[in-house]
Amino acid sequence: MADEAAAAARRAQRPGCITAYALLLFAAGGVAALGGILLAGSGEVDAAGMITLVIVGGLYVALARGLWLMRHWAWVVVLVLQGLNLLVGVITFFDVLASGGGINFPLLSGLWLSGAIMKWFAENGQEFD
């Protein structure tokens, strides 16, 4: 009983950055799922594309809910996804440099953002049930 009360108290004190992140994920998931549904009848995307959009949108919404409720599994998922994003971003950065593309500042800013998100989640893991 005390564990449930402590978990409820932590959720009530959800940091603003988690609220913003969850709301952005919820919006992105809703747009993806709605887009998949709306594109179904247009013929612009095949059935696999529509199903993929709906599934990805649903997963975004589920992750947003997990973050909103400060669930540990959502914390793990964010760390894994941001880690993969960093890995792909670093590989892409060096690939662009190797092909003579020069320094890509939007890519660097994305790497910085992923790193900052990972750092915050790594430092604040105790906040999640």
N, C-alpha and C. Protein backbone atom coordinates (compact mmCIF):
# COMPACT_ATOMS: atom_id res chain seq x y z
N MET A 1 0.82 -1.19 0.00
CA MET A 1 0.00 0.00 0.00
C MET A 1 0.87 1.26 0.00
N ALA A 2 1.95 1.22 0.79
CA ALA A 2 2.84 2.38 0.85
C ALA A 2 3.54 2.59 -0.48
N ASP A 3 3.87 1.47 -1.19
CA ASP A 3 4.50 1.59 -2.50
C ASP A 3 3.58 2.27 -3.50
N GLU A 4 2.29 1.94 -3.45
CA GLU A 4 1.33 2.57 -4.36
C GLU A 4 1.19 4.05 -4.06
N ALA A 5 1.20 4.41 -2.79
CA ALA A 5 1.09 5.82 -2.41
C ALA A 5 2.33 6.60 -2.86
N ALA A 6 3.51 5.98 -2.72
CA ALA A 6 4.74 6.64 -3.16
C ALA A 6 4.76 6.81 -4.67
N ALA A 7 4.29 5.80 -5.39
CA ALA A 7 4.23 5.89 -6.85
C ALA A 7 3.26 6.98 -7.29
N ALA A 8 2.12 7.07 -6.61
CA ALA A 8 1.14 8.11 -6.94
C ALA A 8 1.72 9.50 -6.66
N ALA A 9 2.47 9.63 -5.58
CA ALA A 9 3.09 10.93 -5.24
C ALA A 9 4.12 11.32 -6.30
N ARG A 10 4.90 10.34 -6.79
CA ARG A 10 5.89 10.64 -7.83
C ARG A 10 5.21 11.08 -9.12
N ARG A 11 4.11 10.42 -9.46
CA ARG A 11 3.39 10.80 -10.68
C ARG A 11 2.81 12.20 -10.55
N ALA A 12 2.37 12.55 -9.35
CA ALA A 12 1.81 13.88 -9.12
C ALA A 12 2.88 14.95 -9.28
N GLN A 13 4.14 14.58 -9.07
CA GLN A 13 5.25 15.53 -9.17
C GLN A 13 6.05 15.30 -10.45
N ARG A 14 5.37 14.91 -11.51
CA ARG A 14 6.02 14.64 -12.79
C ARG A 14 6.74 15.90 -13.27
N PRO A 15 8.03 15.77 -13.65
CA PRO A 15 8.76 16.94 -14.15
C PRO A 15 8.12 17.49 -15.42
N GLY A 16 8.22 18.78 -15.61
CA GLY A 16 7.63 19.43 -16.78
C GLY A 16 8.17 18.90 -18.10
N CYS A 17 9.46 18.55 -18.12
CA CYS A 17 10.04 18.05 -19.37
C CYS A 17 9.43 16.70 -19.75
N ILE A 18 9.07 15.88 -18.77
CA ILE A 18 8.41 14.60 -19.05
C ILE A 18 7.00 14.86 -19.56
N THR A 19 6.32 15.82 -18.97
CA THR A 19 4.98 16.18 -19.44
C THR A 19 5.04 16.63 -20.90
N ALA A 20 6.00 17.48 -21.22
CA ALA A 20 6.14 17.98 -22.59
C ALA A 20 6.48 16.84 -23.55
N TYR A 21 7.42 15.98 -23.14
CA TYR A 21 7.83 14.86 -23.98
C TYR A 21 6.65 13.92 -24.23
N ALA A 22 5.89 13.62 -23.18
CA ALA A 22 4.73 12.73 -23.33
C ALA A 22 3.68 13.36 -24.24
N LEU A 23 3.43 14.65 -24.08
CA LEU A 23 2.44 15.32 -24.94
C LEU A 23 2.88 15.32 -26.41
N LEU A 24 4.16 15.56 -26.65
CA LEU A 24 4.67 15.53 -28.02
C LEU A 24 4.57 14.12 -28.62
N LEU A 25 4.89 13.10 -27.83
CA LEU A 25 4.76 11.71 -28.31
C LEU A 25 3.29 11.37 -28.58
N PHE A 26 2.42 11.82 -27.70
CA PHE A 26 1.00 11.55 -27.89
C PHE A 26 0.50 12.20 -29.18
N ALA A 27 0.90 13.44 -29.41
CA ALA A 27 0.49 14.14 -30.63
C ALA A 27 1.05 13.45 -31.87
N ALA A 28 2.33 13.08 -31.84
CA ALA A 28 2.94 12.41 -32.99
C ALA A 28 2.28 11.07 -33.25
N GLY A 29 1.98 10.33 -32.18
CA GLY A 29 1.31 9.04 -32.34
C GLY A 29 -0.09 9.20 -32.90
N GLY A 30 -0.81 10.20 -32.42
CA GLY A 30 -2.15 10.44 -32.93
C GLY A 30 -2.14 10.82 -34.40
N VAL A 31 -1.19 11.67 -34.78
CA VAL A 31 -1.08 12.08 -36.18
C VAL A 31 -0.72 10.89 -37.06
N ALA A 32 0.22 10.06 -36.61
CA ALA A 32 0.63 8.89 -37.40
C ALA A 32 -0.54 7.91 -37.57
N ALA A 33 -1.22 7.61 -36.47
CA ALA A 33 -2.34 6.66 -36.55
C ALA A 33 -3.47 7.23 -37.41
N LEU A 34 -3.80 8.48 -37.19
CA LEU A 34 -4.85 9.12 -37.98
C LEU A 34 -4.46 9.19 -39.46
N GLY A 35 -3.20 9.50 -39.71
CA GLY A 35 -2.72 9.52 -41.09
C GLY A 35 -2.84 8.17 -41.76
N GLY A 36 -2.51 7.11 -41.02
CA GLY A 36 -2.65 5.77 -41.57
C GLY A 36 -4.08 5.43 -41.91
N ILE A 37 -4.97 5.84 -41.04
CA ILE A 37 -6.41 5.57 -41.26
C ILE A 37 -6.93 6.40 -42.44
N LEU A 38 -6.58 7.68 -42.47
CA LEU A 38 -7.07 8.55 -43.54
C LEU A 38 -6.49 8.20 -44.91
N LEU A 39 -5.24 7.73 -44.91
CA LEU A 39 -4.61 7.36 -46.18
C LEU A 39 -5.10 6.02 -46.72
N ALA A 40 -5.81 5.28 -45.90
CA ALA A 40 -6.26 3.95 -46.31
C ALA A 40 -7.14 4.03 -47.56
N GLY A 41 -8.04 4.97 -47.60
CA GLY A 41 -8.96 5.06 -48.73
C GLY A 41 -8.44 5.89 -49.89
N SER A 42 -7.30 6.53 -49.71
CA SER A 42 -6.83 7.45 -50.76
C SER A 42 -6.06 6.75 -51.86
N GLY A 43 -5.57 5.56 -51.60
CA GLY A 43 -4.77 4.87 -52.60
C GLY A 43 -3.34 5.37 -52.67
N GLU A 44 -2.97 6.32 -51.83
CA GLU A 44 -1.62 6.88 -51.83
C GLU A 44 -0.62 5.98 -51.12
N VAL A 45 -1.10 5.09 -50.28
CA VAL A 45 -0.23 4.20 -49.53
C VAL A 45 -0.86 2.81 -49.56
N ASP A 46 0.00 1.78 -49.61
CA ASP A 46 -0.53 0.42 -49.64
C ASP A 46 -0.96 -0.01 -48.23
N ALA A 47 -1.53 -1.20 -48.15
CA ALA A 47 -2.06 -1.68 -46.88
C ALA A 47 -0.95 -1.82 -45.83
N ALA A 48 0.22 -2.27 -46.24
CA ALA A 48 1.32 -2.42 -45.29
C ALA A 48 1.74 -1.07 -44.72
N GLY A 49 1.78 -0.05 -45.56
CA GLY A 49 2.12 1.29 -45.09
C GLY A 49 1.10 1.83 -44.13
N MET A 50 -0.18 1.58 -44.42
CA MET A 50 -1.24 2.04 -43.54
C MET A 50 -1.15 1.35 -42.18
N ILE A 51 -0.97 0.04 -42.22
CA ILE A 51 -0.88 -0.73 -40.97
C ILE A 51 0.33 -0.29 -40.17
N THR A 52 1.44 -0.04 -40.86
CA THR A 52 2.66 0.41 -40.17
C THR A 52 2.42 1.75 -39.48
N LEU A 53 1.80 2.67 -40.17
CA LEU A 53 1.51 3.98 -39.56
C LEU A 53 0.62 3.85 -38.33
N VAL A 54 -0.40 3.02 -38.42
CA VAL A 54 -1.31 2.83 -37.28
C VAL A 54 -0.58 2.18 -36.11
N ILE A 55 0.26 1.18 -36.39
CA ILE A 55 0.99 0.49 -35.32
C ILE A 55 2.00 1.44 -34.67
N VAL A 56 2.76 2.14 -35.49
CA VAL A 56 3.75 3.08 -34.93
C VAL A 56 3.05 4.16 -34.11
N GLY A 57 1.93 4.67 -34.63
CA GLY A 57 1.17 5.66 -33.87
C GLY A 57 0.69 5.12 -32.54
N GLY A 58 0.21 3.89 -32.55
CA GLY A 58 -0.23 3.25 -31.31
C GLY A 58 0.91 3.07 -30.32
N LEU A 59 2.09 2.70 -30.83
CA LEU A 59 3.26 2.54 -29.95
C LEU A 59 3.70 3.88 -29.35
N TYR A 60 3.62 4.93 -30.15
CA TYR A 60 3.94 6.26 -29.63
C TYR A 60 2.97 6.65 -28.52
N VAL A 61 1.70 6.40 -28.74
CA VAL A 61 0.70 6.74 -27.72
C VAL A 61 0.93 5.91 -26.45
N ALA A 62 1.26 4.63 -26.62
CA ALA A 62 1.54 3.78 -25.45
C ALA A 62 2.75 4.29 -24.68
N LEU A 63 3.80 4.67 -25.41
CA LEU A 63 4.99 5.22 -24.74
C LEU A 63 4.66 6.54 -24.05
N ALA A 64 3.87 7.37 -24.69
CA ALA A 64 3.47 8.64 -24.07
C ALA A 64 2.72 8.39 -22.76
N ARG A 65 1.82 7.41 -22.77
CA ARG A 65 1.08 7.08 -21.55
C ARG A 65 2.03 6.55 -20.46
N GLY A 66 2.97 5.71 -20.86
CA GLY A 66 3.94 5.20 -19.89
C GLY A 66 4.76 6.30 -19.27
N LEU A 67 5.17 7.27 -20.08
CA LEU A 67 5.92 8.41 -19.53
C LEU A 67 5.04 9.26 -18.64
N TRP A 68 3.80 9.47 -19.07
CA TRP A 68 2.86 10.29 -18.28
C TRP A 68 2.67 9.68 -16.89
N LEU A 69 2.61 8.36 -16.84
CA LEU A 69 2.42 7.66 -15.56
C LEU A 69 3.74 7.34 -14.86
N MET A 70 4.85 7.80 -15.46
CA MET A 70 6.19 7.62 -14.88
C MET A 70 6.53 6.14 -14.67
N ARG A 71 6.27 5.34 -15.68
CA ARG A 71 6.53 3.90 -15.61
C ARG A 71 7.99 3.60 -15.97
N HIS A 72 8.56 2.62 -15.28
CA HIS A 72 9.96 2.25 -15.49
C HIS A 72 10.18 1.72 -16.92
N TRP A 73 9.24 0.94 -17.43
CA TRP A 73 9.40 0.39 -18.77
C TRP A 73 9.50 1.51 -19.82
N ALA A 74 8.79 2.61 -19.61
CA ALA A 74 8.86 3.73 -20.55
C ALA A 74 10.24 4.38 -20.48
N TRP A 75 10.79 4.46 -19.28
CA TRP A 75 12.14 4.99 -19.10
C TRP A 75 13.15 4.16 -19.88
N VAL A 76 13.03 2.84 -19.80
CA VAL A 76 13.92 1.93 -20.52
C VAL A 76 13.76 2.12 -22.03
N VAL A 77 12.53 2.18 -22.50
CA VAL A 77 12.27 2.34 -23.94
C VAL A 77 12.88 3.64 -24.46
N VAL A 78 12.72 4.73 -23.72
CA VAL A 78 13.29 6.01 -24.14
C VAL A 78 14.81 5.92 -24.23
N LEU A 79 15.44 5.32 -23.22
CA LEU A 79 16.90 5.19 -23.25
C LEU A 79 17.36 4.35 -24.45
N VAL A 80 16.68 3.25 -24.72
CA VAL A 80 17.04 2.40 -25.86
C VAL A 80 16.85 3.14 -27.18
N LEU A 81 15.70 3.79 -27.35
CA LEU A 81 15.44 4.50 -28.60
C LEU A 81 16.40 5.67 -28.81
N GLN A 82 16.68 6.42 -27.77
CA GLN A 82 17.62 7.54 -27.91
C GLN A 82 19.04 7.03 -28.15
N GLY A 83 19.40 5.90 -27.55
CA GLY A 83 20.70 5.30 -27.81
C GLY A 83 20.84 4.87 -29.26
N LEU A 84 19.79 4.25 -29.80
CA LEU A 84 19.80 3.87 -31.21
C LEU A 84 19.86 5.10 -32.10
N ASN A 85 19.14 6.14 -31.72
CA ASN A 85 19.16 7.39 -32.48
C ASN A 85 20.56 8.00 -32.50
N LEU A 86 21.23 7.97 -31.36
CA LEU A 86 22.60 8.47 -31.30
C LEU A 86 23.53 7.64 -32.19
N LEU A 87 23.41 6.33 -32.12
CA LEU A 87 24.26 5.45 -32.91
C LEU A 87 24.06 5.71 -34.41
N VAL A 88 22.82 5.74 -34.85
CA VAL A 88 22.54 5.99 -36.27
C VAL A 88 23.00 7.39 -36.66
N GLY A 89 22.79 8.36 -35.79
CA GLY A 89 23.21 9.73 -36.08
C GLY A 89 24.71 9.87 -36.23
N VAL A 90 25.47 9.21 -35.36
CA VAL A 90 26.94 9.27 -35.45
C VAL A 90 27.41 8.60 -36.73
N ILE A 91 26.85 7.44 -37.05
CA ILE A 91 27.21 6.75 -38.30
C ILE A 91 26.89 7.63 -39.50
N THR A 92 25.71 8.24 -39.50
CA THR A 92 25.31 9.11 -40.60
C THR A 92 26.23 10.32 -40.70
N PHE A 93 26.58 10.91 -39.56
CA PHE A 93 27.47 12.07 -39.55
C PHE A 93 28.79 11.75 -40.22
N PHE A 94 29.41 10.62 -39.83
CA PHE A 94 30.70 10.25 -40.42
C PHE A 94 30.56 9.83 -41.88
N ASP A 95 29.42 9.26 -42.23
CA ASP A 95 29.17 8.91 -43.63
C ASP A 95 29.08 10.17 -44.48
N VAL A 96 28.40 11.18 -43.97
CA VAL A 96 28.29 12.45 -44.70
C VAL A 96 29.66 13.10 -44.83
N LEU A 97 30.45 13.07 -43.76
CA LEU A 97 31.81 13.64 -43.83
C LEU A 97 32.67 12.89 -44.84
N ALA A 98 32.57 11.55 -44.82
CA ALA A 98 33.39 10.74 -45.73
C ALA A 98 33.01 10.96 -47.18
N SER A 99 31.75 11.28 -47.44
CA SER A 99 31.32 11.51 -48.82
C SER A 99 31.57 12.95 -49.27
N GLY A 100 32.21 13.73 -48.44
CA GLY A 100 32.55 15.11 -48.80
C GLY A 100 31.42 16.09 -48.57
N GLY A 101 30.44 15.73 -47.77
CA GLY A 101 29.29 16.59 -47.56
C GLY A 101 29.52 17.72 -46.57
N GLY A 102 30.61 17.70 -45.86
CA GLY A 102 30.86 18.75 -44.88
C GLY A 102 30.09 18.53 -43.59
N ILE A 103 30.20 19.48 -42.71
CA ILE A 103 29.55 19.36 -41.40
C ILE A 103 28.07 19.68 -41.55
N ASN A 104 27.25 18.80 -41.04
CA ASN A 104 25.80 18.93 -41.14
C ASN A 104 25.27 19.41 -39.79
N PHE A 105 24.99 20.70 -39.66
CA PHE A 105 24.57 21.26 -38.38
C PHE A 105 23.21 20.77 -37.89
N PRO A 106 22.22 20.56 -38.77
CA PRO A 106 20.97 19.96 -38.27
C PRO A 106 21.18 18.57 -37.68
N LEU A 107 22.05 17.78 -38.31
CA LEU A 107 22.36 16.46 -37.77
C LEU A 107 23.06 16.58 -36.43
N LEU A 108 23.99 17.51 -36.33
CA LEU A 108 24.69 17.71 -35.05
C LEU A 108 23.73 18.16 -33.95
N SER A 109 22.79 19.02 -34.29
CA SER A 109 21.83 19.47 -33.27
C SER A 109 20.93 18.31 -32.85
N GLY A 110 20.57 17.43 -33.78
CA GLY A 110 19.80 16.24 -33.43
C GLY A 110 20.58 15.31 -32.52
N LEU A 111 21.88 15.16 -32.79
CA LEU A 111 22.73 14.34 -31.92
C LEU A 111 22.81 14.94 -30.53
N TRP A 112 22.95 16.27 -30.47
CA TRP A 112 23.02 16.94 -29.17
C TRP A 112 21.72 16.72 -28.40
N LEU A 113 20.58 16.87 -29.08
CA LEU A 113 19.29 16.70 -28.43
C LEU A 113 19.10 15.28 -27.91
N SER A 114 19.44 14.29 -28.73
CA SER A 114 19.34 12.90 -28.28
C SER A 114 20.24 12.64 -27.08
N GLY A 115 21.46 13.20 -27.13
CA GLY A 115 22.37 13.05 -26.01
C GLY A 115 21.84 13.71 -24.74
N ALA A 116 21.25 14.89 -24.88
CA ALA A 116 20.69 15.59 -23.72
C ALA A 116 19.52 14.82 -23.13
N ILE A 117 18.67 14.27 -23.99
CA ILE A 117 17.53 13.46 -23.50
C ILE A 117 18.04 12.22 -22.78
N MET A 118 19.01 11.54 -23.40
CA MET A 118 19.58 10.35 -22.75
C MET A 118 20.20 10.69 -21.40
N LYS A 119 20.93 11.78 -21.34
CA LYS A 119 21.58 12.20 -20.09
C LYS A 119 20.54 12.45 -19.01
N TRP A 120 19.47 13.18 -19.35
CA TRP A 120 18.45 13.47 -18.35
C TRP A 120 17.80 12.18 -17.85
N PHE A 121 17.43 11.31 -18.77
CA PHE A 121 16.78 10.06 -18.37
C PHE A 121 17.73 9.18 -17.55
N ALA A 122 19.00 9.13 -17.93
CA ALA A 122 19.97 8.32 -17.18
C ALA A 122 20.15 8.86 -15.76
N GLU A 123 20.17 10.16 -15.61
CA GLU A 123 20.37 10.77 -14.29
C GLU A 123 19.12 10.72 -13.42
N ASN A 124 17.94 10.55 -14.01
CA ASN A 124 16.69 10.63 -13.26
C ASN A 124 15.88 9.34 -13.30
N GLY A 125 16.55 8.23 -13.50
CA GLY A 125 15.86 6.95 -13.56
C GLY A 125 15.11 6.59 -12.29
N GLN A 126 15.58 7.10 -11.16
CA GLN A 126 14.93 6.79 -9.88
C GLN A 126 13.53 7.40 -9.79
N GLU A 127 13.20 8.34 -10.67
CA GLU A 127 11.89 8.97 -10.65
C GLU A 127 10.78 8.07 -11.18
N PHE A 128 11.17 7.01 -11.88
CA PHE A 128 10.19 6.14 -12.55
C PHE A 128 9.95 4.88 -11.72
N ASP A 129 8.65 4.44 -11.70
CA ASP A 129 8.30 3.23 -10.94
C ASP A 129 8.90 2.03 -11.62
